Amino acid sequence: MLLLNKIREKFKYQNQLEIKFSLYYFFSSLLFILTFFIVISIAVSFHFLLDHQIGEIKDWLYKNQWNIISISKIISFIIIIILFNNTSTIRLNLKTIKYLSFPM
């Protein structure tokens, strides 16, 4: 009976962590997409202010797509750290990693 209770506790703990990690991943991906569109919008608006044609803007975006993705990732990562640093209840320690890696 004691062994059964320990197994239930491990699964309960693991499921709670999986839900928290899934929500964290969902919100971080959503924030990345939003910052990506904001960065592209800012770049396109500056190009229109400089009176560039659509073809030039498209070529510039295609040529600098990795820079835009990297900037968006960095900005979203900084925002996530600022938002979730104090309110995070997930503490990654050896015990947590053990439960996630090797469920019993």
C-alpha atoms as a PDB file:
ATOM      1  CA  MET A   1       0.000   0.000   0.000  1.00  0.00           C
ATOM      2  CA  LEU A   2       2.836   2.366   0.808  1.00  0.00           C
ATOM      3  CA  LEU A   3       4.474   1.678  -2.540  1.00  0.00           C
ATOM      4  CA  LEU A   4       1.189   2.403  -4.347  1.00  0.00           C
ATOM      5  CA  ASN A   5       0.878   5.754  -2.577  1.00  0.00           C
ATOM      6  CA  LYS A   6       4.433   6.699  -3.545  1.00  0.00           C
ATOM      7  CA  ILE A   7       3.711   5.866  -7.186  1.00  0.00           C
ATOM      8  CA  ARG A   8       0.530   7.989  -7.116  1.00  0.00           C
ATOM      9  CA  GLU A   9       2.430  10.932  -5.628  1.00  0.00           C
ATOM     10  CA  LYS A  10       5.108  10.697  -8.318  1.00  0.00           C
ATOM     11  CA  PHE A  11       2.523  10.700 -11.104  1.00  0.00           C
ATOM     12  CA  LYS A  12       0.627  13.564  -9.493  1.00  0.00           C
ATOM     13  CA  TYR A  13       3.807  15.613  -9.165  1.00  0.00           C
ATOM     14  CA  GLN A  14       4.879  14.772 -12.713  1.00  0.00           C
ATOM     15  CA  ASN A  15       1.510  15.712 -14.212  1.00  0.00           C
ATOM     16  CA  GLN A  16       1.500  19.073 -12.432  1.00  0.00           C
ATOM     17  CA  LEU A  17       4.977  19.823 -13.725  1.00  0.00           C
ATOM     18  CA  GLU A  18       4.084  18.767 -17.262  1.00  0.00           C
ATOM     19  CA  ILE A  19       1.083  21.107 -17.238  1.00  0.00           C
ATOM     20  CA  LYS A  20       3.190  23.994 -15.923  1.00  0.00           C
ATOM     21  CA  PHE A  21       5.937  23.398 -18.474  1.00  0.00           C
ATOM     22  CA  SER A  22       3.365  23.090 -21.258  1.00  0.00           C
ATOM     23  CA  LEU A  23       1.741  26.383 -20.295  1.00  0.00           C
ATOM     24  CA  TYR A  24       5.120  28.054 -20.010  1.00  0.00           C
ATOM     25  CA  TYR A  25       6.110  26.790 -23.466  1.00  0.00           C
ATOM     26  CA  PHE A  26       2.782  27.867 -24.982  1.00  0.00           C
ATOM     27  CA  PHE A  27       3.046  31.405 -23.607  1.00  0.00           C
ATOM     28  CA  SER A  28       6.694  31.731 -24.579  1.00  0.00           C
ATOM     29  CA  SER A  29       5.908  30.621 -28.147  1.00  0.00           C
ATOM     30  CA  LEU A  30       2.973  33.018 -28.325  1.00  0.00           C
ATOM     31  CA  LEU A  31       5.147  35.856 -27.062  1.00  0.00           C
ATOM     32  CA  PHE A  32       7.825  35.010 -29.648  1.00  0.00           C
ATOM     33  CA  ILE A  33       5.275  35.153 -32.469  1.00  0.00           C
ATOM     34  CA  LEU A  34       3.957  38.493 -31.235  1.00  0.00           C
ATOM     35  CA  THR A  35       7.440  40.019 -30.953  1.00  0.00           C
ATOM     36  CA  PHE A  36       8.315  38.641 -34.394  1.00  0.00           C
ATOM     37  CA  PHE A  37       5.354  40.430 -35.955  1.00  0.00           C
ATOM     38  CA  ILE A  38       6.120  43.624 -34.032  1.00  0.00           C
ATOM     39  CA  VAL A  39       9.754  43.641 -35.208  1.00  0.00           C
ATOM     40  CA  ILE A  40       8.683  43.029 -38.812  1.00  0.00           C
ATOM     41  CA  SER A  41       6.058  45.777 -38.557  1.00  0.00           C
ATOM     42  CA  ILE A  42       8.622  48.260 -37.266  1.00  0.00           C
ATOM     43  CA  ALA A  43      11.076  47.379 -40.042  1.00  0.00           C
ATOM     44  CA  VAL A  44       8.422  47.640 -42.753  1.00  0.00           C
ATOM     45  CA  SER A  45       7.122  50.951 -41.433  1.00  0.00           C
ATOM     46  CA  PHE A  46      10.647  52.442 -41.542  1.00  0.00           C
ATOM     47  CA  HIS A  47      11.074  51.204 -45.093  1.00  0.00           C
ATOM     48  CA  PHE A  48       7.796  52.836 -46.103  1.00  0.00           C
ATOM     49  CA  LEU A  49       8.924  56.070 -44.446  1.00  0.00           C
ATOM     50  CA  LEU A  50      12.057  55.906 -46.604  1.00  0.00           C
ATOM     51  CA  ASP A  51       9.762  55.525 -49.651  1.00  0.00           C
ATOM     52  CA  HIS A  52      10.986  52.065 -50.660  1.00  0.00           C
ATOM     53  CA  GLN A  53       9.038  49.807 -53.006  1.00  0.00           C
ATOM     54  CA  ILE A  54       7.382  46.558 -51.883  1.00  0.00           C
ATOM     55  CA  GLY A  55       9.959  44.481 -53.795  1.00  0.00           C
ATOM     56  CA  GLU A  56      12.859  46.126 -51.969  1.00  0.00           C
ATOM     57  CA  ILE A  57      11.178  45.559 -48.602  1.00  0.00           C
ATOM     58  CA  LYS A  58      10.503  41.911 -49.450  1.00  0.00           C
ATOM     59  CA  ASP A  59      14.133  41.409 -50.499  1.00  0.00           C
ATOM     60  CA  TRP A  60      15.400  43.096 -47.338  1.00  0.00           C
ATOM     61  CA  LEU A  61      13.165  40.913 -45.143  1.00  0.00           C
ATOM     62  CA  TYR A  62      14.274  37.781 -46.989  1.00  0.00           C
ATOM     63  CA  LYS A  63      17.941  38.713 -46.707  1.00  0.00           C
ATOM     64  CA  ASN A  64      17.744  39.539 -42.982  1.00  0.00           C
ATOM     65  CA  GLN A  65      15.283  36.906 -41.822  1.00  0.00           C
ATOM     66  CA  TRP A  66      17.711  35.201 -39.407  1.00  0.00           C
ATOM     67  CA  ASN A  67      18.565  38.528 -37.817  1.00  0.00           C
ATOM     68  CA  ILE A  68      14.882  39.304 -37.331  1.00  0.00           C
ATOM     69  CA  ILE A  69      14.211  35.865 -35.827  1.00  0.00           C
ATOM     70  CA  SER A  70      17.200  36.199 -33.481  1.00  0.00           C
ATOM     71  CA  ILE A  71      16.177  39.662 -32.330  1.00  0.00           C
ATOM     72  CA  SER A  72      12.621  38.463 -31.739  1.00  0.00           C
ATOM     73  CA  LYS A  73      13.835  35.459 -29.731  1.00  0.00           C
ATOM     74  CA  ILE A  74      16.093  37.626 -27.581  1.00  0.00           C
ATOM     75  CA  ILE A  75      13.363  40.184 -26.914  1.00  0.00           C
ATOM     76  CA  SER A  76      10.795  37.508 -26.039  1.00  0.00           C
ATOM     77  CA  PHE A  77      13.314  35.744 -23.779  1.00  0.00           C
ATOM     78  CA  ILE A  78      14.022  38.988 -21.894  1.00  0.00           C
ATOM     79  CA  ILE A  79      10.305  39.662 -21.480  1.00  0.00           C
ATOM     80  CA  ILE A  80       9.711  36.134 -20.191  1.00  0.00           C
ATOM     81  CA  ILE A  81      12.523  36.472 -17.671  1.00  0.00           C
ATOM     82  CA  ILE A  82      11.103  39.776 -16.458  1.00  0.00           C
ATOM     83  CA  LEU A  83       7.541  38.446 -16.208  1.00  0.00           C
ATOM     84  CA  PHE A  84       8.160  35.016 -14.722  1.00  0.00           C
ATOM     85  CA  ASN A  85      11.245  35.564 -12.611  1.00  0.00           C
ATOM     86  CA  ASN A  86       9.491  36.404  -9.352  1.00  0.00           C
ATOM     87  CA  THR A  87       6.213  34.568  -9.862  1.00  0.00           C
ATOM     88  CA  SER A  88       7.531  31.239 -11.077  1.00  0.00           C
ATOM     89  CA  THR A  89       6.662  28.255  -8.902  1.00  0.00           C
ATOM     90  CA  ILE A  90       8.690  25.804 -10.956  1.00  0.00           C
ATOM     91  CA  ARG A  91      12.045  25.112  -9.375  1.00  0.00           C
ATOM     92  CA  LEU A  92      14.360  22.978 -11.447  1.00  0.00           C
ATOM     93  CA  ASN A  93      16.457  20.898  -9.149  1.00  0.00           C
ATOM     94  CA  LEU A  94      17.773  17.379  -9.291  1.00  0.00           C
ATOM     95  CA  LYS A  95      14.598  15.912  -7.802  1.00  0.00           C
ATOM     96  CA  THR A  96      12.400  17.567 -10.450  1.00  0.00           C
ATOM     97  CA  ILE A  97      14.628  16.404 -13.285  1.00  0.00           C
ATOM     98  CA  LYS A  98      14.609  12.884 -11.864  1.00  0.00           C
ATOM     99  CA  TYR A  99      10.790  12.805 -11.810  1.00  0.00           C
ATOM    100  CA  LEU A 100      10.555  14.128 -15.349  1.00  0.00           C
ATOM    101  CA  SER A 101      13.196  11.831 -16.781  1.00  0.00           C
ATOM    102  CA  PHE A 102      12.495   8.562 -15.063  1.00  0.00           C
ATOM    103  CA  PRO A 103       8.831   8.215 -14.033  1.00  0.00           C
ATOM    104  CA  MET A 104       7.996   5.196 -11.936  1.00  0.00           C
END
